[in-house]
Amino acid sequence: MTTSPRPRYDARGLIPAIVQDEATGRVLMLAWMNREALRLTRKTGEAHYWSRSRRELWRKGATSGHTQRVRSLALDCDRDAVLLRVEQTGSACHRGTFTCFGGGRAVRAAAAGATRALQAHPSSMLAILDHIIEERRRRAPRGSYTTKLLRGALDDLVRKIGEEATELVLASKNRSRRRVVEESCDLLYHLLVLCARRGIRLTDLESELEKRHRPGP
């Protein structure tokens, strides 16, 4: 991902970032970036922002698991705003909705599907992720990272799972608690994609775990 020419930051060193869902075209949220947030977004392919209230960098989904994989990044004609087209996992809004702006058939459908998933599994946010992966499997939107994993070579997906598992092991030994959370979410996401390829849903995993559970006396 590249943006050329250079962005124009305001007096605070910030630039507004408009975030759009690559599958539906819906505007999801408005956030802010500084130079470091933009650099990390380009480098990692994951959306990073600057919190004006906390005055710190943050990666979307670092604690919630509601990540944004950036599919494209562009400046507007005045170079003072950034447009991110992302693959949204879960909710973009901090209030738990798919978009901060609401409205629209696609948004209502996504919210309804997520609601049904949570009603079926009220104790786990993994239900939302499982629902979204299944939607990607059925619709196969072009340019989607999840679609690429679902339809690409199985060896590539298995190799990615191995990489994520290794990163989690290294994070658990050498990095912060926050990094362990991030790497765990990455691994869980890729594991659920693998399960989707084999026709396995979250309910299948829960059933197996229930069989293994042996409550004490």
Protein backbone atom coordinates (compact mmCIF):
# COMPACT_ATOMS: atom_id res chain seq x y z
CA MET A 1 0.00 0.00 0.00
CA THR A 2 1.39 3.42 -0.96
CA THR A 3 0.21 7.00 -0.86
CA SER A 4 1.98 9.56 -3.02
CA PRO A 5 2.49 12.47 -2.77
CA ARG A 6 3.01 13.05 0.93
CA PRO A 7 0.05 13.65 3.26
CA ARG A 8 -0.57 17.09 4.74
CA TYR A 9 -0.92 16.91 8.52
CA ASP A 10 -2.63 19.61 10.58
CA ALA A 11 -0.96 21.76 13.24
CA ARG A 12 -1.26 18.87 15.72
CA GLY A 13 0.49 16.48 13.35
CA LEU A 14 -2.76 14.63 12.61
CA ILE A 15 -4.76 13.71 9.52
CA PRO A 16 -8.38 12.41 9.46
CA ALA A 17 -8.86 8.83 8.26
CA ILE A 18 -12.17 7.83 6.66
CA VAL A 19 -12.69 4.07 6.89
CA GLN A 20 -14.80 2.20 4.32
CA ASP A 21 -15.82 -1.47 4.23
CA GLU A 22 -14.34 -2.98 1.06
CA ALA A 23 -17.10 -5.56 0.70
CA THR A 24 -20.16 -3.29 1.02
CA GLY A 25 -18.79 0.18 0.32
CA ARG A 26 -20.29 1.48 3.58
CA VAL A 27 -18.44 4.15 5.54
CA LEU A 28 -17.57 2.59 8.89
CA MET A 29 -15.90 5.27 10.99
CA LEU A 30 -13.77 8.39 11.16
CA ALA A 31 -10.52 8.27 13.09
CA TRP A 32 -7.23 10.15 13.25
CA MET A 33 -3.69 9.22 12.28
CA ASN A 34 -0.31 10.73 12.97
CA ARG A 35 2.86 9.88 11.02
CA GLU A 36 3.60 6.79 13.09
CA ALA A 37 0.05 5.43 12.82
CA LEU A 38 0.16 5.82 9.05
CA ARG A 39 3.60 4.21 8.88
CA LEU A 40 2.47 1.20 10.93
CA THR A 41 -0.70 0.85 8.85
CA ARG A 42 1.34 0.73 5.65
CA LYS A 43 3.90 -1.64 7.14
CA THR A 44 1.57 -4.16 8.76
CA GLY A 45 -1.61 -3.94 6.67
CA GLU A 46 -3.56 -3.49 9.92
CA ALA A 47 -5.31 -0.19 10.70
CA HIS A 48 -3.51 1.88 13.35
CA TYR A 49 -4.79 5.20 14.68
CA TRP A 50 -3.95 7.99 17.11
CA SER A 51 -6.22 8.49 20.11
CA ARG A 52 -6.66 12.20 20.80
CA SER A 53 -8.18 11.54 24.23
CA ARG A 54 -5.58 9.01 25.42
CA ARG A 55 -2.77 10.55 23.38
CA GLU A 56 -1.45 7.19 22.27
CA LEU A 57 -1.25 4.90 19.25
CA TRP A 58 -3.77 2.07 19.02
CA ARG A 59 -4.36 -0.81 16.64
CA LYS A 60 -7.99 -1.45 15.71
CA GLY A 61 -9.10 -4.69 17.34
CA ALA A 62 -6.06 -5.06 19.60
CA THR A 63 -8.25 -5.82 22.61
CA SER A 64 -11.71 -6.40 21.07
CA GLY A 65 -10.68 -8.62 18.16
CA HIS A 66 -12.66 -6.35 15.79
CA THR A 67 -9.76 -5.89 13.41
CA GLN A 68 -9.41 -3.96 10.16
CA ARG A 69 -7.22 -5.42 7.42
CA VAL A 70 -6.40 -2.60 5.05
CA ARG A 71 -6.99 -3.48 1.39
CA SER A 72 -6.14 -0.02 -0.04
CA LEU A 73 -5.11 3.40 1.20
CA ALA A 74 -5.34 6.72 -0.65
CA LEU A 75 -5.17 10.47 -0.08
CA ASP A 76 -7.82 12.93 -1.21
CA CYS A 77 -7.10 15.65 -3.78
CA ASP A 78 -5.87 18.11 -1.11
CA ARG A 79 -3.74 15.43 0.60
CA ASP A 80 -5.27 16.33 3.98
CA ALA A 81 -7.50 13.24 4.45
CA VAL A 82 -6.88 9.50 4.12
CA LEU A 83 -9.33 6.90 2.80
CA LEU A 84 -8.88 3.34 4.04
CA ARG A 85 -10.77 0.47 2.40
CA VAL A 86 -10.72 -2.36 4.93
CA GLU A 87 -11.92 -5.87 5.59
CA GLN A 88 -13.82 -5.33 8.82
CA THR A 89 -13.99 -8.17 11.33
CA GLY A 90 -16.77 -7.64 13.87
CA SER A 91 -17.91 -4.13 14.78
CA ALA A 92 -16.26 -0.91 13.65
CA CYS A 93 -18.08 1.23 16.22
CA HIS A 94 -17.15 1.19 19.91
CA ARG A 95 -20.89 0.86 20.65
CA GLY A 96 -20.92 -2.58 19.07
CA THR A 97 -22.48 -1.74 15.70
CA PHE A 98 -21.02 -2.60 12.31
CA THR A 99 -20.66 1.10 11.40
CA CYS A 100 -20.59 4.30 13.41
CA PHE A 101 -23.03 5.92 10.96
CA GLY A 102 -25.81 3.30 10.81
CA GLY A 103 -28.55 2.88 8.22
CA GLY A 104 -28.55 0.95 4.96
CA ARG A 105 -29.67 -2.55 4.03
CA ALA A 106 -26.19 -4.04 4.09
CA VAL A 107 -25.50 -2.57 7.51
CA ARG A 108 -28.81 -3.79 8.92
CA ALA A 109 -28.20 -7.27 7.51
CA ALA A 110 -24.73 -7.42 9.00
CA ALA A 111 -25.96 -6.18 12.36
CA ALA A 112 -28.87 -8.66 12.32
CA GLY A 113 -26.54 -11.54 11.54
CA ALA A 114 -24.18 -10.55 14.32
CA THR A 115 -27.10 -10.22 16.73
CA ARG A 116 -28.34 -13.71 15.87
CA ALA A 117 -24.84 -15.06 16.37
CA LEU A 118 -24.58 -13.46 19.80
CA GLN A 119 -28.02 -14.70 20.77
CA ALA A 120 -26.91 -18.23 19.93
CA HIS A 121 -23.60 -17.77 21.77
CA PRO A 122 -24.07 -14.91 24.25
CA SER A 123 -20.87 -15.70 26.13
CA SER A 124 -18.47 -15.39 23.20
CA MET A 125 -17.51 -12.62 20.77
CA LEU A 126 -16.07 -15.43 18.64
CA ALA A 127 -19.64 -15.93 17.43
CA ILE A 128 -19.48 -12.65 15.49
CA LEU A 129 -16.18 -13.63 13.88
CA ASP A 130 -17.53 -17.07 12.98
CA HIS A 131 -20.58 -15.43 11.38
CA ILE A 132 -18.49 -13.02 9.32
CA ILE A 133 -16.17 -15.75 8.05
CA GLU A 134 -19.18 -17.80 6.98
CA GLU A 135 -20.58 -14.76 5.16
CA ARG A 136 -17.27 -14.34 3.34
CA ARG A 137 -17.35 -18.03 2.40
CA ARG A 138 -20.85 -17.71 0.92
CA ARG A 139 -20.46 -14.37 -0.84
CA ALA A 140 -16.73 -14.50 -1.68
CA PRO A 141 -16.31 -10.71 -2.14
CA ARG A 142 -13.45 -9.76 -4.44
CA GLY A 143 -10.33 -8.41 -2.77
CA SER A 144 -11.25 -9.91 0.60
CA TYR A 145 -8.36 -11.35 2.61
CA THR A 146 -10.69 -13.92 4.15
CA THR A 147 -11.91 -14.97 0.69
CA LYS A 148 -8.30 -15.36 -0.41
CA LEU A 149 -7.63 -17.67 2.53
CA LEU A 150 -10.83 -19.64 1.93
CA ARG A 151 -10.26 -20.10 -1.80
CA GLY A 152 -6.48 -20.17 -2.03
CA ALA A 153 -4.07 -23.04 -1.55
CA LEU A 154 -4.63 -24.91 1.71
CA ASP A 155 -0.87 -25.06 2.26
CA ASP A 156 -0.76 -21.25 2.37
CA LEU A 157 -3.40 -21.12 5.10
CA VAL A 158 -1.76 -23.89 7.12
CA ARG A 159 1.59 -22.13 6.82
CA LYS A 160 0.00 -18.90 8.04
CA ILE A 161 -1.43 -20.67 11.08
CA GLY A 162 2.02 -22.00 11.86
CA GLU A 163 3.46 -18.48 11.61
CA GLU A 164 0.77 -17.05 13.89
CA ALA A 165 1.32 -19.83 16.43
CA THR A 166 5.05 -19.12 16.44
CA GLU A 167 4.43 -15.39 16.90
CA LEU A 168 2.17 -16.14 19.87
CA VAL A 169 4.84 -18.32 21.47
CA LEU A 170 7.46 -15.59 21.02
CA ALA A 171 5.10 -12.92 22.32
CA SER A 172 4.31 -14.97 25.43
CA LYS A 173 8.02 -15.20 26.24
CA ASN A 174 9.35 -11.81 25.26
CA ARG A 175 6.60 -9.19 24.92
CA SER A 176 3.81 -7.42 26.74
CA ARG A 177 0.42 -8.76 27.78
CA ARG A 178 -1.20 -6.63 25.07
CA ARG A 179 0.95 -8.28 22.40
CA VAL A 180 -0.09 -11.74 23.63
CA VAL A 181 -3.74 -10.69 23.27
CA GLU A 182 -3.13 -9.44 19.72
CA GLU A 183 -1.29 -12.57 18.60
CA SER A 184 -3.93 -14.80 20.21
CA CYS A 185 -6.66 -13.04 18.22
CA ASP A 186 -4.68 -13.44 15.00
CA LEU A 187 -4.28 -17.16 15.63
CA LEU A 188 -7.96 -17.64 16.53
CA TYR A 189 -9.03 -15.86 13.35
CA HIS A 190 -6.91 -18.07 11.08
CA LEU A 191 -8.02 -21.21 12.92
CA LEU A 192 -11.67 -20.33 12.34
CA VAL A 193 -10.96 -19.73 8.65
CA LEU A 194 -9.40 -23.20 8.44
CA CYS A 195 -12.45 -24.68 10.14
CA ALA A 196 -14.74 -22.85 7.67
CA ARG A 197 -12.85 -24.42 4.77
CA ARG A 198 -13.63 -27.84 6.24
CA GLY A 199 -17.28 -27.03 6.92
CA ILE A 200 -16.73 -26.75 10.66
CA ARG A 201 -18.56 -24.05 12.62
CA LEU A 202 -18.04 -22.63 16.08
CA THR A 203 -20.92 -24.77 17.37
CA ASP A 204 -18.99 -27.91 16.33
CA LEU A 205 -16.00 -26.81 18.38
CA GLU A 206 -18.20 -26.01 21.35
CA SER A 207 -19.85 -29.43 21.15
CA GLU A 208 -16.47 -31.13 21.19
CA LEU A 209 -15.34 -29.06 24.16
CA GLU A 210 -18.52 -29.98 26.02
CA LYS A 211 -17.80 -33.67 25.43
CA ARG A 212 -14.32 -33.25 26.89
CA HIS A 213 -15.53 -31.32 29.91
CA ARG A 214 -15.69 -33.48 33.00
CA PRO A 215 -17.06 -31.49 35.93
CA GLY A 216 -15.78 -32.39 39.34
CA PRO A 217 -17.88 -33.98 42.09
